[in-house]
Protein backbone atom coordinates (compact mmCIF):
# COMPACT_ATOMS: atom_id res chain seq x y z
CA MET A 1 29.86 32.38 -1.66
CA THR A 2 26.62 34.22 -1.03
CA THR A 3 23.45 32.36 -0.19
CA ALA A 4 21.65 33.91 -3.16
CA ALA A 5 24.18 32.43 -5.58
CA VAL A 6 23.82 28.99 -4.04
CA PHE A 7 20.07 28.84 -4.57
CA ALA A 8 19.63 30.97 -7.67
CA PRO A 9 17.21 29.10 -9.90
CA PRO A 10 17.85 28.65 -13.58
CA ASN A 11 16.19 31.20 -15.83
CA PHE A 12 12.65 29.77 -15.65
CA ALA A 13 9.44 31.64 -15.03
CA ILE A 14 8.64 31.64 -11.32
CA PRO A 15 5.13 30.36 -10.67
CA THR A 16 2.69 32.76 -9.08
CA TYR A 17 -0.11 31.78 -6.77
CA ALA A 18 -3.62 33.14 -6.58
CA PRO A 19 -4.50 34.53 -3.18
CA LEU A 20 -5.91 31.89 -0.88
CA PRO A 21 -9.60 32.36 -0.04
CA GLU A 22 -8.68 31.80 3.60
CA PRO A 23 -5.48 30.88 5.39
CA ILE A 24 -4.41 27.26 5.27
CA THR A 25 -4.32 26.04 8.83
CA PRO A 26 -2.29 23.05 9.98
CA ALA A 27 -5.56 21.14 10.18
CA ARG A 28 -6.39 21.84 6.50
CA TRP A 29 -3.04 21.31 4.78
CA TYR A 30 -4.09 18.03 3.11
CA GLU A 31 -7.06 19.64 1.38
CA TYR A 32 -4.69 22.17 -0.23
CA PHE A 33 -2.03 19.55 -0.97
CA ASP A 34 -4.51 17.26 -2.71
CA ARG A 35 -5.08 20.05 -5.28
CA HIS A 36 -1.39 21.04 -5.56
CA ARG A 37 0.60 17.80 -5.37
CA ASP A 38 1.66 18.37 -8.99
CA LEU A 39 3.36 21.67 -8.07
CA TRP A 40 6.51 22.18 -10.13
CA MET A 41 9.82 21.39 -8.40
CA ALA A 42 12.56 23.76 -9.45
CA PRO A 43 15.89 22.05 -10.19
CA GLN A 44 18.52 22.32 -7.49
CA VAL A 45 21.58 24.37 -8.36
CA GLN A 46 24.01 22.92 -5.80
CA ASP A 47 24.39 19.18 -5.23
CA TRP A 48 24.01 19.47 -1.44
CA THR A 49 20.70 21.38 -1.37
CA CYS A 50 18.21 18.56 -2.11
CA SER A 51 16.87 18.48 1.48
CA ILE A 52 16.28 22.23 1.32
CA CYS A 53 14.53 21.88 -2.04
CA ALA A 54 12.31 19.04 -0.82
CA THR A 55 11.36 20.83 2.40
CA THR A 56 10.54 24.03 0.52
CA TRP A 57 8.42 22.07 -1.95
CA VAL A 58 6.44 20.38 0.87
CA LEU A 59 5.72 23.75 2.49
CA GLN A 60 4.58 25.26 -0.81
CA ALA A 61 2.54 22.24 -1.98
CA THR A 62 0.70 21.93 1.33
CA GLY A 63 -0.08 25.64 1.52
CA LEU A 64 1.64 25.87 4.89
CA ASP A 65 3.95 28.45 3.29
CA VAL A 66 3.25 29.06 -0.40
CA ASN A 67 5.88 31.80 -0.36
CA ALA A 68 8.65 29.66 1.12
CA VAL A 69 11.99 30.25 -0.58
CA ARG A 70 15.00 28.00 -0.45
CA GLU A 71 17.30 30.58 1.11
CA GLY A 72 14.89 31.07 4.02
CA ILE A 73 14.32 27.35 4.46
CA ALA A 74 18.10 26.75 4.52
CA GLY A 75 18.25 29.16 7.44
CA LYS A 76 15.34 27.46 9.20
CA ILE A 77 16.87 24.02 8.72
CA GLY A 78 20.06 25.42 10.18
CA TYR A 79 22.79 26.41 7.76
CA PRO A 80 25.64 25.51 8.33
CA ASP A 81 25.07 23.32 11.41
CA CYS A 82 22.26 21.10 10.07
CA VAL A 83 22.83 21.49 6.33
CA ASN A 84 26.02 22.52 4.55
CA GLU A 85 28.17 22.18 1.46
CA ALA A 86 30.39 19.44 2.88
CA ASP A 87 27.75 16.97 4.10
CA GLY A 88 24.32 18.07 2.86
CA LEU A 89 21.74 17.40 5.56
CA GLU A 90 23.35 16.32 8.80
CA ASN A 91 20.20 15.03 10.51
CA ILE A 92 16.66 14.48 9.20
CA ALA A 93 15.38 15.72 12.58
CA CYS A 94 16.31 19.22 11.38
CA VAL A 95 13.70 18.89 8.59
CA ALA A 96 11.10 17.57 11.07
CA ARG A 97 11.74 20.59 13.31
CA VAL A 98 11.15 23.00 10.42
CA LEU A 99 7.91 21.33 9.34
CA GLU A 100 6.66 21.25 12.94
CA SER A 101 7.38 24.97 13.26
CA TYR A 102 4.37 25.45 10.95
CA GLY A 103 2.06 23.85 13.50
CA VAL A 104 1.85 20.35 12.03
CA GLN A 105 2.83 17.10 13.67
CA THR A 106 5.39 14.87 11.94
CA GLN A 107 6.61 11.35 12.25
CA THR A 108 9.93 9.94 11.09
CA VAL A 109 9.72 6.43 9.68
CA TRP A 110 12.02 3.82 8.12
CA PRO A 111 9.40 2.13 5.93
CA SER A 112 9.38 -0.80 3.55
CA PHE A 113 8.22 -0.03 0.01
CA ASP A 114 4.72 -1.33 0.76
CA GLN A 115 4.49 0.80 3.91
CA MET A 116 5.69 3.92 2.06
CA TYR A 117 3.30 3.22 -0.81
CA ASP A 118 0.42 3.09 1.66
CA LEU A 119 1.57 6.23 3.50
CA ALA A 120 2.12 8.18 0.25
CA GLN A 121 -1.59 7.80 -0.51
CA ARG A 122 -2.49 9.64 2.72
CA THR A 123 0.23 12.17 3.43
CA THR A 124 3.30 13.99 2.15
CA GLY A 125 6.73 14.77 3.47
CA VAL A 126 10.41 14.43 2.67
CA LEU A 127 11.77 11.06 1.53
CA ASN A 128 15.43 10.03 1.61
CA SER A 129 17.63 7.00 1.24
CA THR A 130 20.84 7.12 3.21
CA ARG A 131 22.47 5.09 0.40
CA TRP A 132 20.85 6.95 -2.51
CA TYR A 133 21.86 10.10 -0.60
CA HIS A 134 19.16 12.32 -1.97
CA PHE A 135 15.97 13.95 -0.65
CA VAL A 136 12.69 14.37 -2.52
CA GLY A 137 9.16 15.52 -1.75
CA ILE A 138 6.39 12.94 -1.68
CA ARG A 139 3.58 13.66 -4.17
CA GLY A 140 1.62 10.39 -3.87
CA VAL A 141 1.51 7.19 -5.89
CA SER A 142 1.24 6.33 -9.58
CA ASP A 143 0.84 2.93 -11.24
CA GLY A 144 2.39 0.97 -8.37
CA ASN A 145 5.23 3.46 -7.84
CA ILE A 146 5.88 6.26 -5.36
CA TRP A 147 5.45 9.62 -7.10
CA VAL A 148 8.02 12.19 -5.96
CA ALA A 149 9.00 15.83 -6.49
CA ASN A 150 12.67 15.51 -7.45
CA SER A 151 14.95 18.55 -7.68
CA ALA A 152 17.65 16.45 -9.41
CA GLN A 153 15.78 14.68 -12.19
CA GLY A 154 17.49 11.43 -13.12
CA TYR A 155 19.86 11.31 -10.15
CA LYS A 156 20.99 7.67 -9.95
CA GLY A 157 18.20 6.74 -12.37
CA ILE A 158 15.25 8.22 -10.46
CA PHE A 159 13.11 10.92 -12.05
CA GLU A 160 9.53 11.41 -10.77
CA LEU A 161 8.79 7.83 -9.74
CA VAL A 162 10.49 5.46 -7.29
CA THR A 163 9.78 1.94 -8.48
CA PRO A 164 9.74 -1.14 -6.25
CA GLY A 165 13.00 -2.23 -7.92
CA GLN A 166 14.71 1.08 -7.23
CA TRP A 167 13.49 0.93 -3.64
CA ALA A 168 14.89 -2.61 -3.34
CA ALA A 169 18.28 -1.47 -4.66
CA TRP A 170 18.66 0.63 -1.51
CA ALA A 171 16.50 -1.52 0.79
CA GLY A 172 16.75 -0.74 4.49
CA SER A 173 18.10 2.77 3.88
CA TRP A 174 14.88 4.70 3.22
CA ASP A 175 13.58 7.17 5.77
CA ALA A 176 10.96 9.87 5.64
CA VAL A 177 9.63 12.76 7.66
CA LEU A 178 5.87 12.69 7.12
CA LEU A 179 3.16 15.13 8.03
CA GLU A 180 0.54 13.61 10.29
CA PRO A 181 -2.73 13.49 8.33
């Protein structure tokens, strides 16, 4: 199987971006993200690529790499050693390493819902539950919920919002790689 076939998006228009007035530096990513947190998340084609999709979305939405493509990010994460068809993402540290390669600092946390809700108001990153077994980008918060960029809409009942009840269903299994604000 070729990499292109694995990540080929459905037949949707690909968004285009206006040239940036100046490069987004690691110190200015939040300014860009605050204007682009609603960036469209393309659906994933393969069930094991959610971590790749979420990482790509974070890079695009923060302006750290608006031209990031899933095939390239799969290589940066480390296909097949860190992410592969059999297991998905092997270690969330592989995602942290990719994000840090863009000059930002990250932290990996195992938060409660209240902690994640607070963090989601100040930063972005990749969110996962080891029992939900899915990765999403963090957009922010909405009406008491965590707003996410989900490449598999509706997977196990979660679309664009993670509610406190959904969080509780997989309590103790949530982890995230967050960009340092």
